[in-house]
N, C-alpha and C. Protein backbone atom coordinates (compact mmCIF):
# COMPACT_ATOMS: atom_id res chain seq x y z
N MET A 1 21.31 -6.23 9.39
CA MET A 1 22.55 -6.38 8.63
C MET A 1 23.58 -7.08 9.52
N ALA A 2 24.37 -7.93 8.88
CA ALA A 2 25.37 -8.69 9.61
C ALA A 2 26.51 -7.81 10.09
N ASN A 3 27.07 -8.14 11.26
CA ASN A 3 28.23 -7.41 11.80
C ASN A 3 29.51 -8.21 11.68
N ILE A 4 29.39 -9.52 11.65
CA ILE A 4 30.56 -10.39 11.61
C ILE A 4 31.09 -10.47 10.18
N LYS A 5 32.43 -10.42 10.06
CA LYS A 5 33.06 -10.39 8.74
C LYS A 5 32.67 -11.58 7.87
N SER A 6 32.67 -12.77 8.44
CA SER A 6 32.34 -13.97 7.66
C SER A 6 30.88 -13.94 7.20
N ALA A 7 30.00 -13.39 8.03
CA ALA A 7 28.59 -13.29 7.66
C ALA A 7 28.40 -12.30 6.52
N LYS A 8 29.17 -11.20 6.56
CA LYS A 8 29.12 -10.21 5.47
C LYS A 8 29.58 -10.85 4.16
N LYS A 9 30.63 -11.66 4.25
CA LYS A 9 31.14 -12.34 3.06
C LYS A 9 30.09 -13.30 2.51
N ARG A 10 29.44 -14.06 3.40
CA ARG A 10 28.41 -15.00 2.95
C ARG A 10 27.29 -14.28 2.21
N ILE A 11 26.92 -13.09 2.69
CA ILE A 11 25.88 -12.31 2.03
C ILE A 11 26.30 -11.96 0.61
N LEU A 12 27.54 -11.50 0.45
CA LEU A 12 28.06 -11.14 -0.87
C LEU A 12 28.12 -12.36 -1.80
N VAL A 13 28.61 -13.47 -1.27
CA VAL A 13 28.73 -14.69 -2.07
C VAL A 13 27.34 -15.18 -2.49
N THR A 14 26.39 -15.12 -1.57
CA THR A 14 25.03 -15.55 -1.87
C THR A 14 24.42 -14.71 -2.98
N GLU A 15 24.64 -13.39 -2.91
CA GLU A 15 24.12 -12.50 -3.95
C GLU A 15 24.72 -12.84 -5.31
N THR A 16 26.02 -13.10 -5.33
CA THR A 16 26.70 -13.44 -6.58
C THR A 16 26.15 -14.74 -7.16
N ARG A 17 26.02 -15.76 -6.31
CA ARG A 17 25.52 -17.05 -6.77
C ARG A 17 24.06 -16.97 -7.21
N THR A 18 23.28 -16.16 -6.50
CA THR A 18 21.87 -16.00 -6.85
C THR A 18 21.75 -15.38 -8.24
N ALA A 19 22.56 -14.36 -8.51
CA ALA A 19 22.53 -13.70 -9.82
C ALA A 19 22.91 -14.68 -10.92
N ARG A 20 23.94 -15.50 -10.67
CA ARG A 20 24.39 -16.48 -11.65
C ARG A 20 23.30 -17.51 -11.92
N ASN A 21 22.71 -18.04 -10.84
CA ASN A 21 21.66 -19.04 -11.00
C ASN A 21 20.45 -18.48 -11.72
N LYS A 22 20.12 -17.22 -11.42
CA LYS A 22 18.98 -16.57 -12.06
C LYS A 22 19.20 -16.44 -13.56
N ALA A 23 20.42 -16.06 -13.95
CA ALA A 23 20.76 -15.91 -15.36
C ALA A 23 20.67 -17.26 -16.08
N ILE A 24 21.15 -18.30 -15.43
CA ILE A 24 21.12 -19.64 -16.04
C ILE A 24 19.68 -20.13 -16.18
N ARG A 25 18.86 -19.94 -15.13
CA ARG A 25 17.45 -20.35 -15.20
C ARG A 25 16.72 -19.59 -16.30
N SER A 26 17.05 -18.31 -16.44
CA SER A 26 16.43 -17.48 -17.48
C SER A 26 16.78 -18.01 -18.87
N GLU A 27 18.03 -18.40 -19.05
CA GLU A 27 18.49 -18.94 -20.33
C GLU A 27 17.75 -20.24 -20.66
N VAL A 28 17.54 -21.07 -19.65
CA VAL A 28 16.81 -22.33 -19.83
C VAL A 28 15.37 -22.04 -20.26
N LYS A 29 14.72 -21.11 -19.56
CA LYS A 29 13.33 -20.77 -19.88
C LYS A 29 13.21 -20.25 -21.31
N THR A 30 14.18 -19.42 -21.72
CA THR A 30 14.16 -18.86 -23.07
C THR A 30 14.29 -19.96 -24.11
N SER A 31 15.19 -20.91 -23.87
CA SER A 31 15.39 -22.00 -24.83
C SER A 31 14.13 -22.88 -24.91
N ILE A 32 13.47 -23.07 -23.78
CA ILE A 32 12.23 -23.86 -23.77
C ILE A 32 11.14 -23.14 -24.57
N LYS A 33 11.05 -21.83 -24.39
CA LYS A 33 10.05 -21.05 -25.13
C LYS A 33 10.29 -21.11 -26.64
N LYS A 34 11.55 -21.16 -27.04
CA LYS A 34 11.87 -21.24 -28.47
C LYS A 34 11.39 -22.57 -29.05
N VAL A 35 11.56 -23.64 -28.29
CA VAL A 35 11.08 -24.96 -28.73
C VAL A 35 9.56 -24.92 -28.85
N GLU A 36 8.90 -24.40 -27.83
CA GLU A 36 7.43 -24.35 -27.84
C GLU A 36 6.91 -23.49 -28.98
N ALA A 37 7.61 -22.39 -29.29
CA ALA A 37 7.19 -21.52 -30.39
C ALA A 37 7.32 -22.25 -31.73
N ALA A 38 8.41 -22.99 -31.91
CA ALA A 38 8.61 -23.75 -33.15
C ALA A 38 7.55 -24.83 -33.30
N VAL A 39 7.18 -25.48 -32.19
CA VAL A 39 6.15 -26.51 -32.23
C VAL A 39 4.80 -25.88 -32.56
N ALA A 40 4.53 -24.71 -31.98
CA ALA A 40 3.26 -24.02 -32.24
C ALA A 40 3.15 -23.62 -33.71
N ALA A 41 4.31 -23.31 -34.33
CA ALA A 41 4.33 -22.94 -35.75
C ALA A 41 4.34 -24.18 -36.65
N LYS A 42 4.37 -25.36 -36.03
CA LYS A 42 4.40 -26.64 -36.74
C LYS A 42 5.61 -26.76 -37.68
N ASP A 43 6.72 -26.20 -37.23
CA ASP A 43 7.97 -26.26 -37.99
C ASP A 43 8.87 -27.33 -37.36
N LYS A 44 8.81 -28.54 -37.93
CA LYS A 44 9.52 -29.69 -37.34
C LYS A 44 11.03 -29.49 -37.30
N ALA A 45 11.60 -28.97 -38.39
CA ALA A 45 13.06 -28.79 -38.46
C ALA A 45 13.53 -27.78 -37.42
N ALA A 46 12.83 -26.67 -37.34
CA ALA A 46 13.20 -25.64 -36.37
C ALA A 46 13.01 -26.16 -34.95
N ALA A 47 11.96 -26.94 -34.74
CA ALA A 47 11.68 -27.49 -33.41
C ALA A 47 12.79 -28.44 -32.99
N GLN A 48 13.27 -29.26 -33.92
CA GLN A 48 14.34 -30.21 -33.60
C GLN A 48 15.65 -29.48 -33.31
N ALA A 49 15.92 -28.42 -34.07
CA ALA A 49 17.13 -27.62 -33.84
C ALA A 49 17.05 -26.93 -32.48
N ALA A 50 15.88 -26.38 -32.18
CA ALA A 50 15.68 -25.70 -30.90
C ALA A 50 15.76 -26.69 -29.75
N LEU A 51 15.26 -27.91 -29.98
CA LEU A 51 15.32 -28.95 -28.94
C LEU A 51 16.76 -29.33 -28.64
N ALA A 52 17.58 -29.46 -29.67
CA ALA A 52 18.99 -29.80 -29.47
C ALA A 52 19.69 -28.72 -28.63
N ASN A 53 19.40 -27.47 -28.95
CA ASN A 53 19.98 -26.35 -28.19
C ASN A 53 19.46 -26.33 -26.75
N ALA A 54 18.16 -26.51 -26.59
CA ALA A 54 17.54 -26.48 -25.26
C ALA A 54 18.08 -27.61 -24.39
N THR A 55 18.24 -28.79 -24.98
CA THR A 55 18.77 -29.93 -24.24
C THR A 55 20.17 -29.62 -23.73
N SER A 56 20.97 -29.01 -24.58
CA SER A 56 22.33 -28.64 -24.20
C SER A 56 22.33 -27.64 -23.05
N VAL A 57 21.48 -26.63 -23.15
CA VAL A 57 21.39 -25.60 -22.12
C VAL A 57 20.91 -26.19 -20.79
N ILE A 58 19.93 -27.07 -20.86
CA ILE A 58 19.38 -27.69 -19.64
C ILE A 58 20.42 -28.58 -18.98
N GLU A 59 21.12 -29.39 -19.77
CA GLU A 59 22.16 -30.26 -19.22
C GLU A 59 23.29 -29.45 -18.60
N SER A 60 23.61 -28.33 -19.22
CA SER A 60 24.64 -27.44 -18.68
C SER A 60 24.21 -26.87 -17.33
N ALA A 61 22.96 -26.45 -17.24
CA ALA A 61 22.43 -25.92 -15.98
C ALA A 61 22.43 -27.00 -14.91
N CYS A 62 22.14 -28.23 -15.31
CA CYS A 62 22.14 -29.36 -14.37
C CYS A 62 23.55 -29.61 -13.85
N SER A 63 24.53 -29.57 -14.73
CA SER A 63 25.91 -29.85 -14.32
C SER A 63 26.46 -28.75 -13.41
N LYS A 64 25.89 -27.55 -13.52
CA LYS A 64 26.32 -26.43 -12.68
C LYS A 64 25.58 -26.41 -11.34
N GLY A 65 24.65 -27.34 -11.17
CA GLY A 65 23.96 -27.44 -9.90
C GLY A 65 22.75 -26.54 -9.77
N VAL A 66 22.32 -25.94 -10.88
CA VAL A 66 21.16 -25.05 -10.82
C VAL A 66 19.88 -25.87 -10.77
N TYR A 67 19.86 -27.00 -11.51
CA TYR A 67 18.72 -27.90 -11.50
C TYR A 67 19.16 -29.28 -11.02
N HIS A 68 18.27 -29.97 -10.33
CA HIS A 68 18.50 -31.36 -9.95
C HIS A 68 18.44 -32.20 -11.23
N LYS A 69 19.17 -33.31 -11.24
CA LYS A 69 19.25 -34.12 -12.47
C LYS A 69 17.88 -34.65 -12.90
N ASN A 70 17.01 -34.98 -11.96
CA ASN A 70 15.67 -35.47 -12.33
C ASN A 70 14.82 -34.35 -12.91
N ASN A 71 14.99 -33.14 -12.39
CA ASN A 71 14.26 -31.98 -12.91
C ASN A 71 14.70 -31.72 -14.35
N ALA A 72 16.01 -31.76 -14.59
CA ALA A 72 16.54 -31.53 -15.93
C ALA A 72 16.05 -32.62 -16.88
N ALA A 73 16.08 -33.88 -16.43
CA ALA A 73 15.63 -34.99 -17.26
C ALA A 73 14.15 -34.84 -17.60
N ARG A 74 13.36 -34.39 -16.64
CA ARG A 74 11.93 -34.19 -16.86
C ARG A 74 11.68 -33.10 -17.91
N LYS A 75 12.43 -32.01 -17.81
CA LYS A 75 12.29 -30.92 -18.79
C LYS A 75 12.64 -31.40 -20.20
N VAL A 76 13.74 -32.13 -20.33
CA VAL A 76 14.17 -32.63 -21.63
C VAL A 76 13.15 -33.62 -22.18
N SER A 77 12.64 -34.49 -21.32
CA SER A 77 11.66 -35.49 -21.73
C SER A 77 10.39 -34.83 -22.25
N ARG A 78 9.91 -33.84 -21.53
CA ARG A 78 8.67 -33.15 -21.94
C ARG A 78 8.85 -32.43 -23.27
N LEU A 79 10.02 -31.80 -23.44
CA LEU A 79 10.28 -31.10 -24.70
C LEU A 79 10.39 -32.10 -25.86
N SER A 80 11.06 -33.22 -25.62
CA SER A 80 11.21 -34.24 -26.67
C SER A 80 9.84 -34.77 -27.09
N LYS A 81 9.01 -35.02 -26.10
CA LYS A 81 7.66 -35.51 -26.36
C LYS A 81 6.87 -34.49 -27.18
N LEU A 82 7.04 -33.22 -26.85
CA LEU A 82 6.36 -32.14 -27.55
C LEU A 82 6.81 -32.07 -29.01
N VAL A 83 8.12 -32.14 -29.24
CA VAL A 83 8.66 -32.07 -30.60
C VAL A 83 8.22 -33.28 -31.40
N ASN A 84 8.19 -34.46 -30.76
CA ASN A 84 7.77 -35.67 -31.48
C ASN A 84 6.29 -35.65 -31.85
N SER A 85 5.51 -34.80 -31.18
CA SER A 85 4.08 -34.72 -31.49
C SER A 85 3.81 -33.93 -32.76
N VAL A 86 4.83 -33.17 -33.23
CA VAL A 86 4.65 -32.37 -34.45
C VAL A 86 4.64 -33.32 -35.65
N ALA A 87 3.59 -33.21 -36.44
CA ALA A 87 3.47 -34.13 -37.59
C ALA A 87 4.15 -33.57 -38.82
């Protein structure tokens, strides 16, 4: 355990940021699963609605620094490709 005051503060700040990032990543994963579930059910309208929501959540996570912009772009691209495959 840290003895220096600044080191103790860094530990607290890191825990706070880790919890925030974890919550945001969890939200992204949930939105992705909703898109995949809609595609699996072959429901094009629901898949497109879920994709719009997921894209928004992913871009938000990217702007907050949780995901790198290329990682976010890759996730959105893969989901878009998946939704477009629904006939």
